Amino acid sequence: MKILLTLLMSALFFIGCSDDAAVKNAQAKLVVGHTLANLELPDQHQKMKKLSKDTKYLIFSFSKPVGHMCNAFLQDKKPTYLQQFNALYIADVSPAPSIIKNMFILPDLEKLPFEILLINDDKLSAEFQKGIDTTKIVVATLDNFKIVKIDYFADAKALESFLSKN
């Protein structure tokens, strides 16, 4: 029994280490010049969504406080608010434990009237977060799928000002 338990613990340890290595070796995706033509993510209703060549802005939230700020901002707008700017909102929910995501986060997100694309994979999350200030709202400006600029905003008011000028 002790041997079986030791083997199980060792296997779990090594599985965890391999995931950590994949995260550490992640290739940055939010880099000026990088193309996101093949990006496909589920929305909060689990419908897969691809970027279109007309997508101009990707608005990212990588932390709980930033996500709450973006959600509150968008709840005060029409459900189609981001569409007028050819923008998509992407929230990283991967850090939350699966049980919390499934019991609380996803059901709450499903109730929101606007579309949210979700990053729900640790490796993909690491690729998008690498080299990025995750404490702020991150906006990637695209031109035909290619990232041409990355901006950071401390609050929703600054994001709104940015969008209204573009």
Protein backbone atom coordinates (compact mmCIF):
# COMPACT_ATOMS: atom_id res chain seq x y z
CA MET A 1 0.00 0.00 0.00
CA LYS A 2 2.85 2.37 0.86
CA ILE A 3 4.52 1.65 -2.47
CA LEU A 4 1.29 2.34 -4.38
CA LEU A 5 0.79 5.61 -2.50
CA THR A 6 4.40 6.63 -3.14
CA LEU A 7 4.05 5.88 -6.86
CA LEU A 8 0.81 7.87 -7.05
CA MET A 9 2.35 10.86 -5.25
CA SER A 10 5.41 10.71 -7.54
CA ALA A 11 3.25 10.60 -10.65
CA LEU A 12 1.21 13.58 -9.47
CA PHE A 13 4.40 15.48 -8.68
CA PHE A 14 5.88 14.87 -12.12
CA ILE A 15 2.62 15.67 -13.91
CA GLY A 16 2.54 18.99 -12.03
CA CYS A 17 6.16 19.69 -12.92
CA SER A 18 5.60 19.09 -16.62
CA ASP A 19 2.72 21.59 -16.63
CA ASP A 20 4.92 24.14 -14.87
CA ALA A 21 7.62 23.64 -17.50
CA ALA A 22 5.11 24.21 -20.30
CA VAL A 23 4.00 27.44 -18.64
CA LYS A 24 7.58 28.62 -18.07
CA ASN A 25 8.50 27.88 -21.69
CA ALA A 26 5.39 29.57 -23.11
CA GLN A 27 5.86 31.64 -26.25
CA ALA A 28 4.46 35.17 -25.84
CA LYS A 29 1.36 35.81 -27.96
CA LEU A 30 0.72 39.47 -27.12
CA VAL A 31 3.66 40.90 -29.00
CA VAL A 32 3.62 43.65 -31.61
CA GLY A 33 4.01 41.98 -35.00
CA HIS A 34 2.50 38.67 -33.88
CA THR A 35 -0.48 37.38 -35.88
CA LEU A 36 -3.59 35.99 -34.17
CA ALA A 37 -5.35 34.72 -37.31
CA ASN A 38 -5.91 31.26 -35.82
CA LEU A 39 -7.16 32.42 -32.42
CA GLU A 40 -10.40 30.66 -31.50
CA LEU A 41 -11.88 30.85 -28.00
CA PRO A 42 -15.17 29.86 -26.39
CA ASP A 43 -17.55 32.53 -25.18
CA GLN A 44 -19.32 32.30 -21.83
CA HIS A 45 -21.99 30.10 -23.46
CA GLN A 46 -19.29 27.67 -24.75
CA LYS A 47 -19.77 28.74 -28.38
CA MET A 48 -16.46 28.89 -30.24
CA LYS A 49 -15.59 32.25 -31.75
CA LYS A 50 -12.84 33.10 -34.25
CA LEU A 51 -11.47 36.54 -34.87
CA SER A 52 -12.53 38.18 -38.10
CA LYS A 53 -10.20 40.25 -40.25
CA ASP A 54 -12.28 43.25 -39.16
CA THR A 55 -11.50 42.75 -35.46
CA LYS A 56 -9.64 45.89 -34.44
CA TYR A 57 -9.30 45.59 -30.67
CA LEU A 58 -8.88 42.74 -28.21
CA ILE A 59 -9.58 43.84 -24.64
CA PHE A 60 -8.04 41.49 -22.06
CA SER A 61 -8.55 41.06 -18.33
CA PHE A 62 -6.05 38.75 -16.67
CA SER A 63 -6.97 39.25 -13.01
CA LYS A 64 -10.09 39.12 -10.91
CA PRO A 65 -10.12 42.86 -10.06
CA VAL A 66 -9.62 43.85 -13.71
CA GLY A 67 -12.30 41.39 -14.79
CA HIS A 68 -14.78 42.82 -12.30
CA MET A 69 -13.94 46.34 -13.49
CA CYS A 70 -14.48 45.41 -17.16
CA ASN A 71 -17.71 43.54 -16.41
CA ALA A 72 -19.13 46.48 -14.42
CA PHE A 73 -18.16 48.88 -17.21
CA LEU A 74 -19.76 46.75 -19.94
CA GLN A 75 -22.92 46.10 -17.91
CA ASP A 76 -23.64 49.85 -18.10
CA LYS A 77 -23.44 49.76 -21.91
CA LYS A 78 -25.64 48.28 -24.61
CA PRO A 79 -24.87 44.58 -25.22
CA THR A 80 -23.51 45.55 -28.66
CA TYR A 81 -21.26 48.35 -27.33
CA LEU A 82 -17.98 46.66 -28.28
CA GLN A 83 -19.22 45.73 -31.74
CA GLN A 84 -19.29 49.37 -32.80
CA PHE A 85 -15.51 49.44 -32.24
CA ASN A 86 -14.88 45.99 -33.77
CA ALA A 87 -13.67 44.96 -30.33
CA LEU A 88 -13.80 41.69 -28.42
CA TYR A 89 -13.48 41.24 -24.67
CA ILE A 90 -11.37 38.29 -23.49
CA ALA A 91 -11.23 37.26 -19.84
CA ASP A 92 -8.70 34.82 -18.43
CA VAL A 93 -10.52 32.50 -16.02
CA SER A 94 -7.83 29.83 -15.99
CA PRO A 95 -6.41 30.62 -12.53
CA ALA A 96 -9.68 29.75 -10.78
CA PRO A 97 -10.10 26.18 -9.54
CA SER A 98 -12.39 24.11 -11.79
CA ILE A 99 -15.04 23.64 -9.12
CA ILE A 100 -15.23 27.41 -8.52
CA LYS A 101 -15.39 28.09 -12.28
CA ASN A 102 -18.14 25.57 -12.87
CA MET A 103 -20.25 26.38 -9.82
CA PHE A 104 -19.92 30.17 -9.68
CA ILE A 105 -17.89 31.97 -12.34
CA LEU A 106 -19.30 30.47 -15.55
CA PRO A 107 -22.95 30.61 -14.39
CA ASP A 108 -22.47 34.28 -13.45
CA LEU A 109 -20.80 35.08 -16.78
CA GLU A 110 -23.62 33.35 -18.68
CA LYS A 111 -26.06 35.88 -17.21
CA LEU A 112 -24.18 38.86 -18.64
CA PRO A 113 -25.77 40.45 -21.73
CA PHE A 114 -22.49 41.03 -23.58
CA GLU A 115 -20.09 38.53 -25.12
CA ILE A 116 -16.98 37.46 -23.23
CA LEU A 117 -14.42 35.15 -24.79
CA LEU A 118 -12.66 32.97 -22.24
CA ILE A 119 -9.12 31.77 -21.76
CA ASN A 120 -9.53 28.63 -19.68
CA ASP A 121 -6.20 26.88 -20.23
CA ASP A 122 -3.04 27.42 -18.18
CA LYS A 123 -0.65 27.12 -21.13
CA LEU A 124 -2.67 29.51 -23.32
CA SER A 125 -2.99 31.88 -20.38
CA ALA A 126 0.78 31.86 -19.89
CA GLU A 127 1.30 32.59 -23.59
CA PHE A 128 -0.99 35.61 -23.44
CA GLN A 129 0.34 36.89 -20.10
CA LYS A 130 4.05 36.57 -20.88
CA GLY A 131 5.62 40.04 -20.77
CA ILE A 132 2.26 41.73 -20.07
CA ASP A 133 1.20 43.90 -17.11
CA THR A 134 -1.70 41.76 -15.91
CA THR A 135 -2.79 44.29 -13.27
CA LYS A 136 -4.26 46.56 -15.94
CA ILE A 137 -6.79 46.35 -18.76
CA VAL A 138 -4.76 45.27 -21.80
CA VAL A 139 -5.83 46.30 -25.31
CA ALA A 140 -4.19 44.81 -28.38
CA THR A 141 -4.84 46.80 -31.54
CA LEU A 142 -5.04 44.60 -34.62
CA ASP A 143 -4.73 45.20 -38.34
CA ASN A 144 -5.81 42.17 -40.36
CA PHE A 145 -5.12 39.82 -37.38
CA LYS A 146 -1.66 41.32 -36.74
CA ILE A 147 -0.92 43.07 -33.44
CA VAL A 148 0.21 46.61 -34.22
CA LYS A 149 0.02 48.13 -30.72
CA ILE A 150 -0.54 47.17 -27.10
CA ASP A 151 -2.01 49.64 -24.60
CA TYR A 152 -2.62 49.44 -20.86
CA PHE A 153 -5.39 51.16 -18.92
CA ALA A 154 -5.69 51.50 -15.17
CA ASP A 155 -9.47 51.88 -15.25
CA ALA A 156 -12.58 51.60 -17.39
CA LYS A 157 -12.85 55.35 -17.86
CA ALA A 158 -9.47 55.37 -19.64
CA LEU A 159 -10.59 52.42 -21.78
CA GLU A 160 -13.79 54.23 -22.72
CA SER A 161 -11.83 57.36 -23.64
CA PHE A 162 -9.47 55.29 -25.81
CA LEU A 163 -12.32 53.56 -27.63
CA SER A 164 -14.25 56.79 -28.21
CA LYS A 165 -11.20 58.38 -29.87
CA ASN A 166 -10.70 55.50 -32.28
